[in-house]
Amino acid sequence: MIDKIIRGGFLRNRRTHIVSAVGILSAVAAYLVGDSDLFAMLQAVFTLGGVYFLHKTNKTKGKKYGQDS
């Protein structure tokens, strides 16, 4: 049981996705509350979206060439 927790369990391969999603939600929430302007929100959303797709691209390349990433 503890071994599963140490290795990450269900969320083992989803850390980047979760961090990106939480970052996007917090940027939108900050805009809606009034803590940031539209430009800052869009900048954060596009940056975190880029992190998500960059991670996705690296996983695909590793499988294409027979490597584990």
PDB file of N, CA and C in Angstrom:
ATOM      1  N   MET A   1       0.820  -1.188   0.000  1.00  0.00           N
ATOM      2  CA  MET A   1       0.000   0.000   0.000  1.00  0.00           C
ATOM      3  C   MET A   1       0.870   1.261   0.000  1.00  0.00           C
ATOM      4  N   ILE A   2       1.830   1.323   0.894  1.00  0.00           N
ATOM      5  CA  ILE A   2       2.691   2.510   0.981  1.00  0.00           C
ATOM      6  C   ILE A   2       3.552   2.640  -0.277  1.00  0.00           C
ATOM      7  N   ASP A   3       3.905   1.505  -0.862  1.00  0.00           N
ATOM      8  CA  ASP A   3       4.697   1.528  -2.104  1.00  0.00           C
ATOM      9  C   ASP A   3       3.908   2.196  -3.233  1.00  0.00           C
ATOM     10  N   LYS A   4       2.623   1.920  -3.299  1.00  0.00           N
ATOM     11  CA  LYS A   4       1.769   2.534  -4.314  1.00  0.00           C
ATOM     12  C   LYS A   4       1.681   4.043  -4.112  1.00  0.00           C
ATOM     13  N   ILE A   5       1.610   4.480  -2.870  1.00  0.00           N
ATOM     14  CA  ILE A   5       1.545   5.910  -2.563  1.00  0.00           C
ATOM     15  C   ILE A   5       2.860   6.590  -2.931  1.00  0.00           C
ATOM     16  N   ILE A   6       3.974   5.962  -2.622  1.00  0.00           N
ATOM     17  CA  ILE A   6       5.290   6.548  -2.916  1.00  0.00           C
ATOM     18  C   ILE A   6       5.506   6.687  -4.418  1.00  0.00           C
ATOM     19  N   ARG A   7       5.063   5.712  -5.186  1.00  0.00           N
ATOM     20  CA  ARG A   7       5.246   5.762  -6.639  1.00  0.00           C
ATOM     21  C   ARG A   7       4.240   6.658  -7.354  1.00  0.00           C
ATOM     22  N   GLY A   8       3.258   7.162  -6.650  1.00  0.00           N
ATOM     23  CA  GLY A   8       2.319   8.098  -7.249  1.00  0.00           C
ATOM     24  C   GLY A   8       0.930   7.554  -7.431  1.00  0.00           C
ATOM     25  N   GLY A   9       0.759   6.263  -7.376  1.00  0.00           N
ATOM     26  CA  GLY A   9      -0.565   5.667  -7.482  1.00  0.00           C
ATOM     27  C   GLY A   9      -1.272   6.001  -8.786  1.00  0.00           C
ATOM     28  N   PHE A  10      -2.526   6.380  -8.676  1.00  0.00           N
ATOM     29  CA  PHE A  10      -3.355   6.674  -9.838  1.00  0.00           C
ATOM     30  C   PHE A  10      -2.858   7.903 -10.596  1.00  0.00           C
ATOM     31  N   LEU A  11      -2.280   8.861  -9.903  1.00  0.00           N
ATOM     32  CA  LEU A  11      -1.866  10.125 -10.515  1.00  0.00           C
ATOM     33  C   LEU A  11      -0.422  10.100 -11.033  1.00  0.00           C
ATOM     34  N   ARG A  12       0.168   8.941 -11.115  1.00  0.00           N
ATOM     35  CA  ARG A  12       1.579   8.819 -11.462  1.00  0.00           C
ATOM     36  C   ARG A  12       1.944   9.490 -12.781  1.00  0.00           C
ATOM     37  N   ASN A  13       1.202   9.297 -13.820  1.00  0.00           N
ATOM     38  CA  ASN A  13       1.542   9.846 -15.123  1.00  0.00           C
ATOM     39  C   ASN A  13       0.717  11.075 -15.478  1.00  0.00           C
ATOM     40  N   ARG A  14       0.050  11.651 -14.501  1.00  0.00           N
ATOM     41  CA  ARG A  14      -0.841  12.774 -14.783  1.00  0.00           C
ATOM     42  C   ARG A  14      -0.442  14.055 -14.063  1.00  0.00           C
ATOM     43  N   ARG A  15       0.746  14.124 -13.499  1.00  0.00           N
ATOM     44  CA  ARG A  15       1.143  15.298 -12.723  1.00  0.00           C
ATOM     45  C   ARG A  15       1.169  16.563 -13.556  1.00  0.00           C
ATOM     46  N   THR A  16       1.733  16.525 -14.756  1.00  0.00           N
ATOM     47  CA  THR A  16       1.810  17.710 -15.610  1.00  0.00           C
ATOM     48  C   THR A  16       0.418  18.179 -16.000  1.00  0.00           C
ATOM     49  N   HIS A  17      -0.465  17.260 -16.287  1.00  0.00           N
ATOM     50  CA  HIS A  17      -1.829  17.617 -16.664  1.00  0.00           C
ATOM     51  C   HIS A  17      -2.556  18.294 -15.503  1.00  0.00           C
ATOM     52  N   ILE A  18      -2.366  17.770 -14.308  1.00  0.00           N
ATOM     53  CA  ILE A  18      -3.035  18.332 -13.134  1.00  0.00           C
ATOM     54  C   ILE A  18      -2.492  19.716 -12.815  1.00  0.00           C
ATOM     55  N   VAL A  19      -1.172  19.884 -12.886  1.00  0.00           N
ATOM     56  CA  VAL A  19      -0.567  21.187 -12.610  1.00  0.00           C
ATOM     57  C   VAL A  19      -1.033  22.214 -13.639  1.00  0.00           C
ATOM     58  N   SER A  20      -1.101  21.831 -14.899  1.00  0.00           N
ATOM     59  CA  SER A  20      -1.579  22.745 -15.938  1.00  0.00           C
ATOM     60  C   SER A  20      -3.041  23.120 -15.707  1.00  0.00           C
ATOM     61  N   ALA A  21      -3.868  22.152 -15.400  1.00  0.00           N
ATOM     62  CA  ALA A  21      -5.293  22.420 -15.189  1.00  0.00           C
ATOM     63  C   ALA A  21      -5.515  23.320 -13.979  1.00  0.00           C
ATOM     64  N   VAL A  22      -4.814  23.058 -12.894  1.00  0.00           N
ATOM     65  CA  VAL A  22      -4.963  23.884 -11.694  1.00  0.00           C
ATOM     66  C   VAL A  22      -4.457  25.304 -11.957  1.00  0.00           C
ATOM     67  N   GLY A  23      -3.379  25.430 -12.705  1.00  0.00           N
ATOM     68  CA  GLY A  23      -2.864  26.759 -13.043  1.00  0.00           C
ATOM     69  C   GLY A  23      -3.834  27.549 -13.899  1.00  0.00           C
ATOM     70  N   ILE A  24      -4.435  26.887 -14.874  1.00  0.00           N
ATOM     71  CA  ILE A  24      -5.419  27.562 -15.737  1.00  0.00           C
ATOM     72  C   ILE A  24      -6.638  27.980 -14.916  1.00  0.00           C
ATOM     73  N   LEU A  25      -7.122  27.091 -14.056  1.00  0.00           N
ATOM     74  CA  LEU A  25      -8.266  27.436 -13.211  1.00  0.00           C
ATOM     75  C   LEU A  25      -7.950  28.601 -12.278  1.00  0.00           C
ATOM     76  N   SER A  26      -6.749  28.629 -11.722  1.00  0.00           N
ATOM     77  CA  SER A  26      -6.406  29.730 -10.823  1.00  0.00           C
ATOM     78  C   SER A  26      -6.252  31.044 -11.580  1.00  0.00           C
ATOM     79  N   ALA A  27      -5.750  30.995 -12.825  1.00  0.00           N
ATOM     80  CA  ALA A  27      -5.642  32.223 -13.619  1.00  0.00           C
ATOM     81  C   ALA A  27      -7.023  32.768 -13.962  1.00  0.00           C
ATOM     82  N   VAL A  28      -7.945  31.890 -14.322  1.00  0.00           N
ATOM     83  CA  VAL A  28      -9.310  32.330 -14.628  1.00  0.00           C
ATOM     84  C   VAL A  28      -9.995  32.856 -13.369  1.00  0.00           C
ATOM     85  N   ALA A  29      -9.800  32.181 -12.258  1.00  0.00           N
ATOM     86  CA  ALA A  29     -10.407  32.632 -11.004  1.00  0.00           C
ATOM     87  C   ALA A  29      -9.852  33.995 -10.581  1.00  0.00           C
ATOM     88  N   ALA A  30      -8.547  34.204 -10.746  1.00  0.00           N
ATOM     89  CA  ALA A  30      -7.950  35.501 -10.401  1.00  0.00           C
ATOM     90  C   ALA A  30      -8.527  36.610 -11.270  1.00  0.00           C
ATOM     91  N   TYR A  31      -8.792  36.308 -12.531  1.00  0.00           N
ATOM     92  CA  TYR A  31      -9.397  37.303 -13.414  1.00  0.00           C
ATOM     93  C   TYR A  31     -10.833  37.602 -12.989  1.00  0.00           C
ATOM     94  N   LEU A  32     -11.593  36.565 -12.685  1.00  0.00           N
ATOM     95  CA  LEU A  32     -12.991  36.756 -12.310  1.00  0.00           C
ATOM     96  C   LEU A  32     -13.145  37.504 -10.988  1.00  0.00           C
ATOM     97  N   VAL A  33     -12.208  37.294 -10.071  1.00  0.00           N
ATOM     98  CA  VAL A  33     -12.252  37.979  -8.786  1.00  0.00           C
ATOM     99  C   VAL A  33     -11.782  39.426  -8.922  1.00  0.00           C
ATOM    100  N   GLY A  34     -10.940  39.678  -9.912  1.00  0.00           N
ATOM    101  CA  GLY A  34     -10.454  41.037 -10.125  1.00  0.00           C
ATOM    102  C   GLY A  34      -9.006  41.235  -9.726  1.00  0.00           C
ATOM    103  N   ASP A  35      -8.290  40.164  -9.423  1.00  0.00           N
ATOM    104  CA  ASP A  35      -6.893  40.279  -9.021  1.00  0.00           C
ATOM    105  C   ASP A  35      -5.951  40.478 -10.197  1.00  0.00           C
ATOM    106  N   SER A  36      -6.376  40.125 -11.395  1.00  0.00           N
ATOM    107  CA  SER A  36      -5.526  40.305 -12.574  1.00  0.00           C
ATOM    108  C   SER A  36      -6.376  40.800 -13.739  1.00  0.00           C
ATOM    109  N   ASP A  37      -5.691  41.300 -14.747  1.00  0.00           N
ATOM    110  CA  ASP A  37      -6.418  41.785 -15.919  1.00  0.00           C
ATOM    111  C   ASP A  37      -6.492  40.692 -16.980  1.00  0.00           C
ATOM    112  N   LEU A  38      -7.159  41.001 -18.072  1.00  0.00           N
ATOM    113  CA  LEU A  38      -7.382  40.022 -19.133  1.00  0.00           C
ATOM    114  C   LEU A  38      -6.074  39.556 -19.753  1.00  0.00           C
ATOM    115  N   PHE A  39      -5.131  40.476 -19.964  1.00  0.00           N
ATOM    116  CA  PHE A  39      -3.854  40.119 -20.578  1.00  0.00           C
ATOM    117  C   PHE A  39      -3.079  39.133 -19.711  1.00  0.00           C
ATOM    118  N   ALA A  40      -3.036  39.364 -18.416  1.00  0.00           N
ATOM    119  CA  ALA A  40      -2.317  38.457 -17.510  1.00  0.00           C
ATOM    120  C   ALA A  40      -2.967  37.079 -17.493  1.00  0.00           C
ATOM    121  N   MET A  41      -4.299  37.040 -17.525  1.00  0.00           N
ATOM    122  CA  MET A  41      -4.994  35.757 -17.532  1.00  0.00           C
ATOM    123  C   MET A  41      -4.684  34.984 -18.814  1.00  0.00           C
ATOM    124  N   LEU A  42      -4.784  35.659 -19.960  1.00  0.00           N
ATOM    125  CA  LEU A  42      -4.515  34.975 -21.229  1.00  0.00           C
ATOM    126  C   LEU A  42      -3.072  34.510 -21.323  1.00  0.00           C
ATOM    127  N   GLN A  43      -2.152  35.309 -20.822  1.00  0.00           N
ATOM    128  CA  GLN A  43      -0.745  34.916 -20.824  1.00  0.00           C
ATOM    129  C   GLN A  43      -0.536  33.646 -20.001  1.00  0.00           C
ATOM    130  N   ALA A  44      -1.138  33.557 -18.836  1.00  0.00           N
ATOM    131  CA  ALA A  44      -1.003  32.371 -17.995  1.00  0.00           C
ATOM    132  C   ALA A  44      -1.662  31.154 -18.644  1.00  0.00           C
ATOM    133  N   VAL A  45      -2.840  31.361 -19.227  1.00  0.00           N
ATOM    134  CA  VAL A  45      -3.555  30.243 -19.856  1.00  0.00           C
ATOM    135  C   VAL A  45      -2.759  29.681 -21.030  1.00  0.00           C
ATOM    136  N   PHE A  46      -2.234  30.554 -21.894  1.00  0.00           N
ATOM    137  CA  PHE A  46      -1.470  30.065 -23.043  1.00  0.00           C
ATOM    138  C   PHE A  46      -0.142  29.433 -22.624  1.00  0.00           C
ATOM    139  N   THR A  47       0.481  29.958 -21.595  1.00  0.00           N
ATOM    140  CA  THR A  47       1.733  29.360 -21.112  1.00  0.00           C
ATOM    141  C   THR A  47       1.491  27.968 -20.555  1.00  0.00           C
ATOM    142  N   LEU A  48       0.482  27.822 -19.712  1.00  0.00           N
ATOM    143  CA  LEU A  48       0.205  26.513 -19.124  1.00  0.00           C
ATOM    144  C   LEU A  48      -0.345  25.535 -20.161  1.00  0.00           C
ATOM    145  N   GLY A  49      -1.077  26.036 -21.132  1.00  0.00           N
ATOM    146  CA  GLY A  49      -1.509  25.177 -22.235  1.00  0.00           C
ATOM    147  C   GLY A  49      -0.327  24.686 -23.042  1.00  0.00           C
ATOM    148  N   GLY A  50       0.670  25.544 -23.233  1.00  0.00           N
ATOM    149  CA  GLY A  50       1.894  25.148 -23.931  1.00  0.00           C
ATOM    150  C   GLY A  50       2.656  24.077 -23.176  1.00  0.00           C
ATOM    151  N   VAL A  51       2.698  24.194 -21.848  1.00  0.00           N
ATOM    152  CA  VAL A  51       3.358  23.170 -21.034  1.00  0.00           C
ATOM    153  C   VAL A  51       2.658  21.828 -21.207  1.00  0.00           C
ATOM    154  N   TYR A  52       1.338  21.849 -21.207  1.00  0.00           N
ATOM    155  CA  TYR A  52       0.565  20.614 -21.388  1.00  0.00           C
ATOM    156  C   TYR A  52       0.868  19.974 -22.739  1.00  0.00           C
ATOM    157  N   PHE A  53       0.826  20.760 -23.811  1.00  0.00           N
ATOM    158  CA  PHE A  53       1.044  20.196 -25.142  1.00  0.00           C
ATOM    159  C   PHE A  53       2.504  19.823 -25.377  1.00  0.00           C
ATOM    160  N   LEU A  54       3.430  20.532 -24.753  1.00  0.00           N
ATOM    161  CA  LEU A  54       4.842  20.166 -24.859  1.00  0.00           C
ATOM    162  C   LEU A  54       5.081  18.811 -24.211  1.00  0.00           C
ATOM    163  N   HIS A  55       4.482  18.590 -23.069  1.00  0.00           N
ATOM    164  CA  HIS A  55       4.610  17.303 -22.394  1.00  0.00           C
ATOM    165  C   HIS A  55       3.982  16.196 -23.239  1.00  0.00           C
ATOM    166  N   LYS A  56       2.843  16.474 -23.826  1.00  0.00           N
ATOM    167  CA  LYS A  56       2.158  15.503 -24.671  1.00  0.00           C
ATOM    168  C   LYS A  56       3.010  15.158 -25.895  1.00  0.00           C
ATOM    169  N   THR A  57       3.655  16.162 -26.505  1.00  0.00           N
ATOM    170  CA  THR A  57       4.490  15.947 -27.685  1.00  0.00           C
ATOM    171  C   THR A  57       5.709  15.095 -27.345  1.00  0.00           C
ATOM    172  N   ASN A  58       6.332  15.350 -26.211  1.00  0.00           N
ATOM    173  CA  ASN A  58       7.512  14.572 -25.826  1.00  0.00           C
ATOM    174  C   ASN A  58       7.158  13.113 -25.579  1.00  0.00           C
ATOM    175  N   LYS A  59       6.003  12.842 -25.023  1.00  0.00           N
ATOM    176  CA  LYS A  59       5.593  11.454 -24.812  1.00  0.00           C
ATOM    177  C   LYS A  59       5.382  10.744 -26.144  1.00  0.00           C
ATOM    178  N   THR A  60       4.790  11.426 -27.104  1.00  0.00           N
ATOM    179  CA  THR A  60       4.523  10.837 -28.409  1.00  0.00           C
ATOM    180  C   THR A  60       5.821  10.535 -29.148  1.00  0.00           C
ATOM    181  N   LYS A  61       6.793  11.445 -29.093  1.00  0.00           N
ATOM    182  CA  LYS A  61       8.070  11.236 -29.778  1.00  0.00           C
ATOM    183  C   LYS A  61       8.808  10.037 -29.226  1.00  0.00           C
ATOM    184  N   GLY A  62       8.779   9.854 -27.906  1.00  0.00           N
ATOM    185  CA  GLY A  62       9.470   8.720 -27.305  1.00  0.00           C
ATOM    186  C   GLY A  62       8.891   7.399 -27.759  1.00  0.00           C
ATOM    187  N   LYS A  63       7.610   7.312 -27.902  1.00  0.00           N
ATOM    188  CA  LYS A  63       6.972   6.073 -28.357  1.00  0.00           C
ATOM    189  C   LYS A  63       7.231   5.839 -29.840  1.00  0.00           C
ATOM    190  N   LYS A  64       7.298   6.916 -30.604  1.00  0.00           N
ATOM    191  CA  LYS A  64       7.504   6.786 -32.047  1.00  0.00           C
ATOM    192  C   LYS A  64       8.868   6.176 -32.352  1.00  0.00           C
ATOM    193  N   TYR A  65       9.879   6.562 -31.601  1.00  0.00           N
ATOM    194  CA  TYR A  65      11.237   6.078 -31.856  1.00  0.00           C
ATOM    195  C   TYR A  65      11.620   4.888 -31.002  1.00  0.00           C
ATOM    196  N   GLY A  66      10.662   4.323 -30.278  1.00  0.00           N
ATOM    197  CA  GLY A  66      10.934   3.112 -29.510  1.00  0.00           C
ATOM    198  C   GLY A  66      11.614   3.369 -28.188  1.00  0.00           C
ATOM    199  N   GLN A  67      11.496   4.584 -27.664  1.00  0.00           N
ATOM    200  CA  GLN A  67      12.107   4.912 -26.368  1.00  0.00           C
ATOM    201  C   GLN A  67      11.004   5.211 -25.371  1.00  0.00           C
ATOM    202  N   ASP A  68      11.302   5.005 -24.114  1.00  0.00           N
ATOM    203  CA  ASP A  68      10.371   5.412 -23.066  1.00  0.00           C
ATOM    204  C   ASP A  68      10.801   6.776 -22.576  1.00  0.00           C
ATOM    205  N   SER A  69       9.836   7.721 -22.532  1.00  0.00           N
ATOM    206  CA  SER A  69      10.171   9.046 -22.006  1.00  0.00           C
ATOM    207  C   SER A  69       9.650   9.194 -20.629  1.00  0.00           C
TER     208      SER A  69
END
